[in-house]
Amino acid sequence: MLALRYKKSVPRYLLMRAAASRVKGLDTSLLSPLALANIPEPELPTPEWVRVRPLLSGICGSDLGTLSAESSPYFSPLTSPPFVMGHEIVGEVVESNGGFEAGERVVVEPALNCTVRGVDPPCAYCATGRYALCVKVTEGDIAAGIQTGFCGSTGGGWSEGTLVAHPSQLHPVPDGVTDEAAVAIEPLACAVHAALAASPKAHETVVVLGAGNIGLFTVAALRRLTDAGRIISVAKHERQGKEALRLGADEVVHPKEIYGGLPETLGATVHKPELGKPVVLGGAERVFECVGSPGTIEDATRLCAPGGEVTLVGMPGARSSLDLTPLWHGEVKLTGAYAYGVEERLGEEKVKSFELALGMAPEIKLDSLVGPRYRLREYREAIAAARASGRRGHVKVVFDHR
């Protein structure tokens, strides 16, 4: 099958780390660890597994970070290269198995937890529904990997062939949810998890830093699933601002106003030190950081009110040093929101993040945020478009295998 495979190479990794951010297209050149290859289709690890043909597969910020080597090496022992990339997937079941019928459309939940791996008894996190935090991701029936798309045994969505998934990873796509909406369920589920983990109250002001797909989806989830009061989106580009307002933000400010108009909007005061960024006294009770850059993480801590909470939703990069004095001085809580799981909402039955995301998709017109679409052989253009999403007015760039 034809697939985009990431093959680990220390020299290529170091080259990407040193030059990918400065040399346009280096991350998809002949020097890249990523290459289009004809490879065998993955085997079913156990008879209950299901073979799925990808229809659409998204390009995620974590994929881009992997290609440019900007992601932290923290994850390197938790993957098993060479692997086919792509973890945002809507597909079609190839052969009836595991309770699914041939031809049935499914969204793949990529977390490779204890249930998926056949690890019994499960770890404490999987046993309590926090399976994205599984500590057995190097054990069981398949090779190491935190998710489909980073595991040598499963295949991934950047393929014209098939991948394999455990039945517990598959969610049937309702008739009212298009392929375009379904391919964005995975990042929307991440935003659902982040919003519910923080659960801001009606009297609290929330700032969402960043308006790429994760930032926009976080706004949508906060407005629909929590009691959040005032939601302020920090958006750089015109379409991002318009979508943020459509999805539930009360106000949109430009990043240039982070230490200008935004603190005044928050009722805070700004003070300039001899060196470094301004000091903000006051701020928002909740700040969601949806970029992952060192600068915006530091901005988040400075914009958060004393005793408030900063939630890291975007994946942090590895090239940074942070001034965490605002965190210390304001007794601000800094927490991570990774992936998804089983959500607990007061007075309601437990439900998976993916199920909540599937329910939200038609209401927020999720499919309108997906595109442009590229064929697999156009991967260089696709990845370039994903890197320039905000500037070009895109939200979610995808591969189309249909």
Foldseek 3Di string as FASTA:
>chain_A
DKFWWQADDVVLLVCLQVPVVPDPLSLVDPSWSIDTDDDDAFDALDQQKFKWFFFKFFDDPVNLCNSSVQADCVCVVQFDPRAGATFLTWTATCPDHNPDHGGFIKTFQWACFCVFQVNPPGDPCVVVWNRLPGPQQCDHSFHGHRTHRRGRRFHHNRDLGIGIGRSVRIDTADPVADRLLSSCLQLLLLLLQLLQVQQDAQVFEEEEEEQFQNSLSNLLNNQPPHNHHAYEYAYAFDLSQVSSVLSHHPYYHHPVCLQPVQLVVQVWDWADDPDDDIAIAGATQEYEYAAQEQVSVQSRLRRHYQVHEYEYSHRHTDPDDHDCPSCVVRVYHYYYRDGWTWGDDPPDDTDTSSVVSSVCRVVSVSSVQEDDEAASVCVSVQSVCVVCCRVVVHRIYMYGSD
